[in-house]
Amino acid sequence: DNAKNTVYLQMNSLKPEDTAVYYCAARSLGTSSLYLDDYDY
């Protein structure tokens, strides 16, 4: 929701394997990436 400067992750059907610390990241380029090194913040 860009009006709220917020990104969400809805997680359904959770499994024990989903247990982790979850991190939000921002990339200055607008195209998405799966590589953590591509994220700036």
ModelCIF file with pLDDT and N, C-alpha, C, O atoms, coordinates in Angstrom:
data_MODEL
#
_entry.id   MODEL 
#
_entity.id                         1 
_entity.type                       polymer 
_entity.pdbx_number_of_molecules   1 
#
_entity_poly.entity_id                      1 
_entity_poly.type                           'polypeptide(L)' 
_entity_poly.nstd_linkage                   no 
_entity_poly.nstd_monomer                   no 
_entity_poly.pdbx_seq_one_letter_code       DNAKNTVYLQMNSLKPEDTAVYYCAARSLGTSSLYLDDYDY 
_entity_poly.pdbx_seq_one_letter_code_can   DNAKNTVYLQMNSLKPEDTAVYYCAARSLGTSSLYLDDYDY 
_entity_poly.pdbx_strand_id                 A 
#
loop_
_entity_poly_seq.entity_id 
_entity_poly_seq.num 
_entity_poly_seq.mon_id 
_entity_poly_seq.hetero 
1 1  ASP n 
1 2  ASN n 
1 3  ALA n 
1 4  LYS n 
1 5  ASN n 
1 6  THR n 
1 7  VAL n 
1 8  TYR n 
1 9  LEU n 
1 10 GLN n 
1 11 MET n 
1 12 ASN n 
1 13 SER n 
1 14 LEU n 
1 15 LYS n 
1 16 PRO n 
1 17 GLU n 
1 18 ASP n 
1 19 THR n 
1 20 ALA n 
1 21 VAL n 
1 22 TYR n 
1 23 TYR n 
1 24 CYS n 
1 25 ALA n 
1 26 ALA n 
1 27 ARG n 
1 28 SER n 
1 29 LEU n 
1 30 GLY n 
1 31 THR n 
1 32 SER n 
1 33 SER n 
1 34 LEU n 
1 35 TYR n 
1 36 LEU n 
1 37 ASP n 
1 38 ASP n 
1 39 TYR n 
1 40 ASP n 
1 41 TYR n 
#
_struct_asym.id          A 
_struct_asym.entity_id   1 
#
loop_
_ma_qa_metric.id 
_ma_qa_metric.mode 
_ma_qa_metric.name 
_ma_qa_metric.software_group_id 
_ma_qa_metric.type 
1 global pLDDT . pLDDT 
2 local  pLDDT . pLDDT 
#
_ma_qa_metric_global.metric_id      1 
_ma_qa_metric_global.metric_value   94.61 
_ma_qa_metric_global.model_id       1 
_ma_qa_metric_global.ordinal_id     1 
#
loop_
_ma_qa_metric_local.label_asym_id 
_ma_qa_metric_local.label_comp_id 
_ma_qa_metric_local.label_seq_id 
_ma_qa_metric_local.metric_id 
_ma_qa_metric_local.metric_value 
_ma_qa_metric_local.model_id 
_ma_qa_metric_local.ordinal_id 
A ASP 1  2 93.00 1 1  
A ASN 2  2 89.00 1 2  
A ALA 3  2 89.00 1 3  
A LYS 4  2 92.00 1 4  
A ASN 5  2 91.00 1 5  
A THR 6  2 94.00 1 6  
A VAL 7  2 96.00 1 7  
A TYR 8  2 97.00 1 8  
A LEU 9  2 98.00 1 9  
A GLN 10 2 98.00 1 10 
A MET 11 2 98.00 1 11 
A ASN 12 2 98.00 1 12 
A SER 13 2 98.00 1 13 
A LEU 14 2 98.00 1 14 
A LYS 15 2 98.00 1 15 
A PRO 16 2 98.00 1 16 
A GLU 17 2 97.00 1 17 
A ASP 18 2 98.00 1 18 
A THR 19 2 98.00 1 19 
A ALA 20 2 98.00 1 20 
A VAL 21 2 98.00 1 21 
A TYR 22 2 98.00 1 22 
A TYR 23 2 98.00 1 23 
A CYS 24 2 97.00 1 24 
A ALA 25 2 96.00 1 25 
A ALA 26 2 94.00 1 26 
A ARG 27 2 93.00 1 27 
A SER 28 2 91.00 1 28 
A LEU 29 2 86.00 1 29 
A GLY 30 2 85.00 1 30 
A THR 31 2 90.00 1 31 
A SER 32 2 90.00 1 32 
A SER 33 2 92.00 1 33 
A LEU 34 2 92.00 1 34 
A TYR 35 2 95.00 1 35 
A LEU 36 2 93.00 1 36 
A ASP 37 2 95.00 1 37 
A ASP 38 2 95.00 1 38 
A TYR 39 2 96.00 1 39 
A ASP 40 2 94.00 1 40 
A TYR 41 2 95.00 1 41 
#
loop_
_atom_site.group_PDB 
_atom_site.id 
_atom_site.type_symbol 
_atom_site.label_atom_id 
_atom_site.label_alt_id 
_atom_site.label_comp_id 
_atom_site.label_asym_id 
_atom_site.label_entity_id 
_atom_site.label_seq_id 
_atom_site.pdbx_PDB_ins_code 
_atom_site.Cartn_x 
_atom_site.Cartn_y 
_atom_site.Cartn_z 
_atom_site.occupancy 
_atom_site.B_iso_or_equiv 
_atom_site.pdbx_formal_charge 
_atom_site.auth_seq_id 
_atom_site.auth_comp_id 
_atom_site.auth_asym_id 
_atom_site.auth_atom_id 
_atom_site.pdbx_PDB_model_num 
ATOM 1   N N  . ASP A 1 1  ? 0.876  -1.159  0.000   1.00 93.00 ? 1  ASP A N  1 
ATOM 2   C CA . ASP A 1 1  ? 0.000  0.000   0.000   1.00 93.00 ? 1  ASP A CA 1 
ATOM 3   C C  . ASP A 1 1  ? 0.916  1.213   0.000   1.00 93.00 ? 1  ASP A C  1 
ATOM 4   O O  . ASP A 1 1  ? 1.393  1.640   1.051   1.00 93.00 ? 1  ASP A O  1 
ATOM 5   N N  . ASN A 1 2  ? 1.159  1.762   -1.176  1.00 89.00 ? 2  ASN A N  1 
ATOM 6   C CA . ASN A 1 2  ? 2.110  2.863   -1.288  1.00 89.00 ? 2  ASN A CA 1 
ATOM 7   C C  . ASN A 1 2  ? 1.631  4.129   -0.580  1.00 89.00 ? 2  ASN A C  1 
ATOM 8   O O  . ASN A 1 2  ? 2.447  4.943   -0.147  1.00 89.00 ? 2  ASN A O  1 
ATOM 9   N N  . ALA A 1 3  ? 0.327  4.298   -0.461  1.00 89.00 ? 3  ALA A N  1 
ATOM 10  C CA . ALA A 1 3  ? -0.202 5.446   0.263   1.00 89.00 ? 3  ALA A CA 1 
ATOM 11  C C  . ALA A 1 3  ? 0.157  5.391   1.736   1.00 89.00 ? 3  ALA A C  1 
ATOM 12  O O  . ALA A 1 3  ? 0.245  6.429   2.392   1.00 89.00 ? 3  ALA A O  1 
ATOM 13  N N  . LYS A 1 4  ? 0.364  4.192   2.262   1.00 92.00 ? 4  LYS A N  1 
ATOM 14  C CA . LYS A 1 4  ? 0.736  4.007   3.658   1.00 92.00 ? 4  LYS A CA 1 
ATOM 15  C C  . LYS A 1 4  ? 2.207  3.660   3.841   1.00 92.00 ? 4  LYS A C  1 
ATOM 16  O O  . LYS A 1 4  ? 2.648  3.412   4.964   1.00 92.00 ? 4  LYS A O  1 
ATOM 17  N N  . ASN A 1 5  ? 2.967  3.639   2.756   1.00 91.00 ? 5  ASN A N  1 
ATOM 18  C CA . ASN A 1 5  ? 4.388  3.270   2.805   1.00 91.00 ? 5  ASN A CA 1 
ATOM 19  C C  . ASN A 1 5  ? 4.589  1.928   3.515   1.00 91.00 ? 5  ASN A C  1 
ATOM 20  O O  . ASN A 1 5  ? 5.483  1.782   4.348   1.00 91.00 ? 5  ASN A O  1 
ATOM 21  N N  . THR A 1 6  ? 3.759  0.972   3.177   1.00 94.00 ? 6  THR A N  1 
ATOM 22  C CA . THR A 1 6  ? 3.756  -0.302  3.890   1.00 94.00 ? 6  THR A CA 1 
ATOM 23  C C  . THR A 1 6  ? 3.673  -1.477  2.925   1.00 94.00 ? 6  THR A C  1 
ATOM 24  O O  . THR A 1 6  ? 2.936  -1.437  1.940   1.00 94.00 ? 6  THR A O  1 
ATOM 25  N N  . VAL A 1 7  ? 4.433  -2.514  3.222   1.00 96.00 ? 7  VAL A N  1 
ATOM 26  C CA . VAL A 1 7  ? 4.354  -3.774  2.491   1.00 96.00 ? 7  VAL A CA 1 
ATOM 27  C C  . VAL A 1 7  ? 3.911  -4.851  3.474   1.00 96.00 ? 7  VAL A C  1 
ATOM 28  O O  . VAL A 1 7  ? 4.245  -4.799  4.658   1.00 96.00 ? 7  VAL A O  1 
ATOM 29  N N  . TYR A 1 8  ? 3.156  -5.826  2.975   1.00 97.00 ? 8  TYR A N  1 
ATOM 30  C CA . TYR A 1 8  ? 2.584  -6.862  3.814   1.00 97.00 ? 8  TYR A CA 1 
ATOM 31  C C  . TYR A 1 8  ? 2.992  -8.245  3.330   1.00 97.00 ? 8  TYR A C  1 
ATOM 32  O O  . TYR A 1 8  ? 3.302  -8.447  2.156   1.00 97.00 ? 8  TYR A O  1 
ATOM 33  N N  . LEU A 1 9  ? 2.984  -9.173  4.243   1.00 98.00 ? 9  LEU A N  1 
ATOM 34  C CA . LEU A 1 9  ? 3.140  -10.581 3.901   1.00 98.00 ? 9  LEU A CA 1 
ATOM 35  C C  . LEU A 1 9  ? 2.054  -11.354 4.636   1.00 98.00 ? 9  LEU A C  1 
ATOM 36  O O  . LEU A 1 9  ? 2.129  -11.548 5.850   1.00 98.00 ? 9  LEU A O  1 
ATOM 37  N N  . GLN A 1 10 ? 1.051  -11.791 3.895   1.00 98.00 ? 10 GLN A N  1 
ATOM 38  C CA . GLN A 1 10 ? -0.002 -12.625 4.450   1.00 98.00 ? 10 GLN A CA 1 
ATOM 39  C C  . GLN A 1 10 ? 0.447  -14.073 4.377   1.00 98.00 ? 10 GLN A C  1 
ATOM 40  O O  . GLN A 1 10 ? 0.723  -14.585 3.292   1.00 98.00 ? 10 GLN A O  1 
ATOM 41  N N  . MET A 1 11 ? 0.521  -14.730 5.510   1.00 98.00 ? 11 MET A N  1 
ATOM 42  C CA . MET A 1 11 ? 1.015  -16.096 5.592   1.00 98.00 ? 11 MET A CA 1 
ATOM 43  C C  . MET A 1 11 ? -0.113 -17.005 6.050   1.00 98.00 ? 11 MET A C  1 
ATOM 44  O O  . MET A 1 11 ? -0.593 -16.896 7.178   1.00 98.00 ? 11 MET A O  1 
ATOM 45  N N  . ASN A 1 12 ? -0.530 -17.894 5.174   1.00 98.00 ? 12 ASN A N  1 
ATOM 46  C CA . ASN A 1 12 ? -1.579 -18.858 5.470   1.00 98.00 ? 12 ASN A CA 1 
ATOM 47  C C  . ASN A 1 12 ? -1.014 -20.270 5.449   1.00 98.00 ? 12 ASN A C  1 
ATOM 48  O O  . ASN A 1 12 ? 0.079  -20.509 4.936   1.00 98.00 ? 12 ASN A O  1 
ATOM 49  N N  . SER A 1 13 ? -1.769 -21.195 6.010   1.00 98.00 ? 13 SER A N  1 
ATOM 50  C CA . SER A 1 13 ? -1.363 -22.606 6.043   1.00 98.00 ? 13 SER A CA 1 
ATOM 51  C C  . SER A 1 13 ? 0.062  -22.761 6.546   1.00 98.00 ? 13 SER A C  1 
ATOM 52  O O  . SER A 1 13 ? 0.881  -23.450 5.938   1.00 98.00 ? 13 SER A O  1 
ATOM 53  N N  . LEU A 1 14 ? 0.339  -22.119 7.650   1.00 98.00 ? 14 LEU A N  1 
ATOM 54  C CA . LEU A 1 14 ? 1.699  -22.106 8.185   1.00 98.00 ? 14 LEU A CA 1 
ATOM 55  C C  . LEU A 1 14 ? 2.169  -23.498 8.577   1.00 98.00 ? 14 LEU A C  1 
ATOM 56  O O  . LEU A 1 14 ? 1.391  -24.339 9.027   1.00 98.00 ? 14 LEU A O  1 
ATOM 57  N N  . LYS A 1 15 ? 3.449  -23.712 8.394   1.00 98.00 ? 15 LYS A N  1 
ATOM 58  C CA . LYS A 1 15 ? 4.105  -24.961 8.742   1.00 98.00 ? 15 LYS A CA 1 
ATOM 59  C C  . LYS A 1 15 ? 5.217  -24.690 9.747   1.00 98.00 ? 15 LYS A C  1 
ATOM 60  O O  . LYS A 1 15 ? 5.749  -23.581 9.791   1.00 98.00 ? 15 LYS A O  1 
ATOM 61  N N  . PRO A 1 16 ? 5.576  -25.684 10.554  1.00 98.00 ? 16 PRO A N  1 
ATOM 62  C CA . PRO A 1 16 ? 6.712  -25.487 11.465  1.00 98.00 ? 16 PRO A CA 1 
ATOM 63  C C  . PRO A 1 16 ? 7.983  -25.052 10.740  1.00 98.00 ? 16 PRO A C  1 
ATOM 64  O O  . PRO A 1 16 ? 8.807  -24.342 11.316  1.00 98.00 ? 16 PRO A O  1 
ATOM 65  N N  . GLU A 1 17 ? 8.152  -25.464 9.492   1.00 97.00 ? 17 GLU A N  1 
ATOM 66  C CA . GLU A 1 17 ? 9.312  -25.088 8.705   1.00 97.00 ? 17 GLU A CA 1 
ATOM 67  C C  . GLU A 1 17 ? 9.350  -23.598 8.375   1.00 97.00 ? 17 GLU A C  1 
ATOM 68  O O  . GLU A 1 17 ? 10.382 -23.090 7.937   1.00 97.00 ? 17 GLU A O  1 
ATOM 69  N N  . ASP A 1 18 ? 8.237  -22.894 8.580   1.00 98.00 ? 18 ASP A N  1 
ATOM 70  C CA . ASP A 1 18 ? 8.195  -21.457 8.361   1.00 98.00 ? 18 ASP A CA 1 
ATOM 71  C C  . ASP A 1 18 ? 8.768  -20.672 9.531   1.00 98.00 ? 18 ASP A C  1 
ATOM 72  O O  . ASP A 1 18 ? 8.924  -19.454 9.439   1.00 98.00 ? 18 ASP A O  1 
ATOM 73  N N  . THR A 1 19 ? 9.081  -21.345 10.617  1.00 98.00 ? 19 THR A N  1 
ATOM 74  C CA . THR A 1 19 ? 9.644  -20.680 11.784  1.00 98.00 ? 19 THR A CA 1 
ATOM 75  C C  . THR A 1 19 ? 10.966 -20.018 11.428  1.00 98.00 ? 19 THR A C  1 
ATOM 76  O O  . THR A 1 19 ? 11.887 -20.676 10.944  1.00 98.00 ? 19 THR A O  1 
ATOM 77  N N  . ALA A 1 20 ? 11.057 -18.719 11.666  1.00 98.00 ? 20 ALA A N  1 
ATOM 78  C CA . ALA A 1 20 ? 12.246 -17.953 11.309  1.00 98.00 ? 20 ALA A CA 1 
ATOM 79  C C  . ALA A 1 20 ? 12.061 -16.510 11.746  1.00 98.00 ? 20 ALA A C  1 
ATOM 80  O O  . ALA A 1 20 ? 10.970 -16.101 12.143  1.00 98.00 ? 20 ALA A O  1 
ATOM 81  N N  . VAL A 1 21 ? 13.136 -15.751 11.669  1.00 98.00 ? 21 VAL A N  1 
ATOM 82  C CA . VAL A 1 21 ? 13.040 -14.305 11.742  1.00 98.00 ? 21 VAL A CA 1 
ATOM 83  C C  . VAL A 1 21 ? 12.796 -13.794 10.327  1.00 98.00 ? 21 VAL A C  1 
ATOM 84  O O  . VAL A 1 21 ? 13.541 -14.123 9.403   1.00 98.00 ? 21 VAL A O  1 
ATOM 85  N N  . TYR A 1 22 ? 11.763 -12.999 10.166  1.00 98.00 ? 22 TYR A N  1 
ATOM 86  C CA . TYR A 1 22 ? 11.391 -12.477 8.857   1.00 98.00 ? 22 TYR A CA 1 
ATOM 87  C C  . TYR A 1 22 ? 11.853 -11.035 8.720   1.00 98.00 ? 22 TYR A C  1 
ATOM 88  O O  . TYR A 1 22 ? 11.614 -10.206 9.598   1.00 98.00 ? 22 TYR A O  1 
ATOM 89  N N  . TYR A 1 23 ? 12.517 -10.747 7.608   1.00 98.00 ? 23 TYR A N  1 
ATOM 90  C CA . TYR A 1 23 ? 13.083 -9.436  7.353   1.00 98.00 ? 23 TYR A CA 1 
ATOM 91  C C  . TYR A 1 23 ? 12.443 -8.790  6.138   1.00 98.00 ? 23 TYR A C  1 
ATOM 92  O O  . TYR A 1 23 ? 12.245 -9.435  5.108   1.00 98.00 ? 23 TYR A O  1 
ATOM 93  N N  . CYS A 1 24 ? 12.130 -7.544  6.265   1.00 97.00 ? 24 CYS A N  1 
ATOM 94  C CA . CYS A 1 24 ? 11.672 -6.721  5.160   1.00 97.00 ? 24 CYS A CA 1 
ATOM 95  C C  . CYS A 1 24 ? 12.873 -6.022  4.532   1.00 97.00 ? 24 CYS A C  1 
ATOM 96  O O  . CYS A 1 24 ? 13.775 -5.586  5.247   1.00 97.00 ? 24 CYS A O  1 
ATOM 97  N N  . ALA A 1 25 ? 12.897 -5.910  3.208   1.00 96.00 ? 25 ALA A N  1 
ATOM 98  C CA . ALA A 1 25 ? 14.005 -5.274  2.510   1.00 96.00 ? 25 ALA A CA 1 
ATOM 99  C C  . ALA A 1 25 ? 13.489 -4.396  1.386   1.00 96.00 ? 25 ALA A C  1 
ATOM 100 O O  . ALA A 1 25 ? 12.449 -4.676  0.789   1.00 96.00 ? 25 ALA A O  1 
ATOM 101 N N  . ALA A 1 26 ? 14.228 -3.330  1.103   1.00 94.00 ? 26 ALA A N  1 
ATOM 102 C CA . ALA A 1 26 ? 13.874 -2.388  0.049   1.00 94.00 ? 26 ALA A CA 1 
ATOM 103 C C  . ALA A 1 26 ? 14.998 -2.290  -0.969  1.00 94.00 ? 26 ALA A C  1 
ATOM 104 O O  . ALA A 1 26 ? 16.176 -2.252  -0.612  1.00 94.00 ? 26 ALA A O  1 
ATOM 105 N N  . ARG A 1 27 ? 14.625 -2.249  -2.228  1.00 93.00 ? 27 ARG A N  1 
ATOM 106 C CA . ARG A 1 27 ? 15.572 -2.106  -3.329  1.00 93.00 ? 27 ARG A CA 1 
ATOM 107 C C  . ARG A 1 27 ? 15.298 -0.790  -4.029  1.00 93.00 ? 27 ARG A C  1 
ATOM 108 O O  . ARG A 1 27 ? 14.160 -0.511  -4.407  1.00 93.00 ? 27 ARG A O  1 
ATOM 109 N N  . SER A 1 28 ? 16.333 0.024   -4.208  1.00 91.00 ? 28 SER A N  1 
ATOM 110 C CA . SER A 1 28 ? 16.145 1.346   -4.794  1.00 91.00 ? 28 SER A CA 1 
ATOM 111 C C  . SER A 1 28 ? 15.659 1.278   -6.235  1.00 91.00 ? 28 SER A C  1 
ATOM 112 O O  . SER A 1 28 ? 14.964 2.184   -6.692  1.00 91.00 ? 28 SER A O  1 
ATOM 113 N N  . LEU A 1 29 ? 16.011 0.224   -6.954  1.00 86.00 ? 29 LEU A N  1 
ATOM 114 C CA . LEU A 1 29 ? 15.447 -0.011  -8.268  1.00 86.00 ? 29 LEU A CA 1 
ATOM 115 C C  . LEU A 1 29 ? 14.048 -0.596  -8.111  1.00 86.00 ? 29 LEU A C  1 
ATOM 116 O O  . LEU A 1 29 ? 13.774 -1.334  -7.165  1.00 86.00 ? 29 LEU A O  1 
ATOM 117 N N  . GLY A 1 30 ? 13.186 -0.265  -9.029  1.00 85.00 ? 30 GLY A N  1 
ATOM 118 C CA . GLY A 1 30 ? 11.798 -0.657  -8.909  1.00 85.00 ? 30 GLY A CA 1 
ATOM 119 C C  . GLY A 1 30 ? 11.495 -2.095  -9.277  1.00 85.00 ? 30 GLY A C  1 
ATOM 120 O O  . GLY A 1 30 ? 10.423 -2.603  -8.949  1.00 85.00 ? 30 GLY A O  1 
ATOM 121 N N  . THR A 1 31 ? 12.424 -2.762  -9.957  1.00 90.00 ? 31 THR A N  1 
ATOM 122 C CA . THR A 1 31 ? 12.215 -4.142  -10.357 1.00 90.00 ? 31 THR A CA 1 
ATOM 123 C C  . THR A 1 31 ? 12.532 -5.078  -9.205  1.00 90.00 ? 31 THR A C  1 
ATOM 124 O O  . THR A 1 31 ? 13.487 -4.851  -8.461  1.00 90.00 ? 31 THR A O  1 
ATOM 125 N N  . SER A 1 32 ? 11.752 -6.111  -9.054  1.00 90.00 ? 32 SER A N  1 
ATOM 126 C CA . SER A 1 32 ? 11.918 -7.040  -7.947  1.00 90.00 ? 32 SER A CA 1 
ATOM 127 C C  . SER A 1 32 ? 13.088 -7.982  -8.190  1.00 90.00 ? 32 SER A C  1 
ATOM 128 O O  . SER A 1 32 ? 13.499 -8.206  -9.329  1.00 90.00 ? 32 SER A O  1 
ATOM 129 N N  . SER A 1 33 ? 13.615 -8.530  -7.100  1.00 92.00 ? 33 SER A N  1 
ATOM 130 C CA . SER A 1 33 ? 14.748 -9.433  -7.167  1.00 92.00 ? 33 SER A CA 1 
ATOM 131 C C  . SER A 1 33 ? 14.652 -10.447 -6.040  1.00 92.00 ? 33 SER A C  1 
ATOM 132 O O  . SER A 1 33 ? 14.134 -10.150 -4.964  1.00 92.00 ? 33 SER A O  1 
ATOM 133 N N  . LEU A 1 34 ? 15.160 -11.653 -6.299  1.00 92.00 ? 34 LEU A N  1 
ATOM 134 C CA . LEU A 1 34 ? 15.210 -12.685 -5.273  1.00 92.00 ? 34 LEU A CA 1 
ATOM 135 C C  . LEU A 1 34 ? 16.556 -12.744 -4.572  1.00 92.00 ? 34 LEU A C  1 
ATOM 136 O O  . LEU A 1 34 ? 16.748 -13.556 -3.668  1.00 92.00 ? 34 LEU A O  1 
ATOM 137 N N  . TYR A 1 35 ? 17.494 -11.888 -4.980  1.00 95.00 ? 35 TYR A N  1 
ATOM 138 C CA . TYR A 1 35 ? 18.835 -11.905 -4.411  1.00 95.00 ? 35 TYR A CA 1 
ATOM 139 C C  . TYR A 1 35 ? 18.957 -10.881 -3.294  1.00 95.00 ? 35 TYR A C  1 
ATOM 140 O O  . TYR A 1 35 ? 18.682 -9.698  -3.496  1.00 95.00 ? 35 TYR A O  1 
ATOM 141 N N  . LEU A 1 36 ? 19.363 -11.328 -2.133  1.00 93.00 ? 36 LEU A N  1 
ATOM 142 C CA . LEU A 1 36 ? 19.449 -10.422 -0.991  1.00 93.00 ? 36 LEU A CA 1 
ATOM 143 C C  . LEU A 1 36 ? 20.475 -9.322  -1.202  1.00 93.00 ? 36 LEU A C  1 
ATOM 144 O O  . LEU A 1 36 ? 20.331 -8.231  -0.649  1.00 93.00 ? 36 LEU A O  1 
ATOM 145 N N  . ASP A 1 37 ? 21.510 -9.588  -1.994  1.00 95.00 ? 37 ASP A N  1 
ATOM 146 C CA . ASP A 1 37 ? 22.532 -8.578  -2.252  1.00 95.00 ? 37 ASP A CA 1 
ATOM 147 C C  . ASP A 1 37 ? 22.007 -7.419  -3.097  1.00 95.00 ? 37 ASP A C  1 
ATOM 148 O O  . ASP A 1 37 ? 22.639 -6.364  -3.158  1.00 95.00 ? 37 ASP A O  1 
ATOM 149 N N  . ASP A 1 38 ? 20.880 -7.600  -3.737  1.00 95.00 ? 38 ASP A N  1 
ATOM 150 C CA . ASP A 1 38 ? 20.290 -6.541  -4.548  1.00 95.00 ? 38 ASP A CA 1 
ATOM 151 C C  . ASP A 1 38 ? 19.518 -5.519  -3.724  1.00 95.00 ? 38 ASP A C  1 
ATOM 152 O O  . ASP A 1 38 ? 19.119 -4.476  -4.241  1.00 95.00 ? 38 ASP A O  1 
ATOM 153 N N  . TYR A 1 39 ? 19.311 -5.810  -2.461  1.00 96.00 ? 39 TYR A N  1 
ATOM 154 C CA . TYR A 1 39 ? 18.512 -4.926  -1.613  1.00 96.00 ? 39 TYR A CA 1 
ATOM 155 C C  . TYR A 1 39 ? 19.402 -3.976  -0.828  1.00 96.00 ? 39 TYR A C  1 
ATOM 156 O O  . TYR A 1 39 ? 20.463 -4.356  -0.334  1.00 96.00 ? 39 TYR A O  1 
ATOM 157 N N  . ASP A 1 40 ? 18.948 -2.739  -0.726  1.00 94.00 ? 40 ASP A N  1 
ATOM 158 C CA . ASP A 1 40 ? 19.753 -1.664  -0.157  1.00 94.00 ? 40 ASP A CA 1 
ATOM 159 C C  . ASP A 1 40 ? 19.453 -1.379  1.310   1.00 94.00 ? 40 ASP A C  1 
ATOM 160 O O  . ASP A 1 40 ? 20.323 -0.903  2.039   1.00 94.00 ? 40 ASP A O  1 
ATOM 161 N N  . TYR A 1 41 ? 18.243 -1.664  1.745   1.00 95.00 ? 41 TYR A N  1 
ATOM 162 C CA . TYR A 1 41 ? 17.823 -1.341  3.105   1.00 95.00 ? 41 TYR A CA 1 
ATOM 163 C C  . TYR A 1 41 ? 17.116 -2.531  3.728   1.00 95.00 ? 41 TYR A C  1 
ATOM 164 O O  . TYR A 1 41 ? 16.683 -2.459  4.879   1.00 95.00 ? 41 TYR A O  1 
#
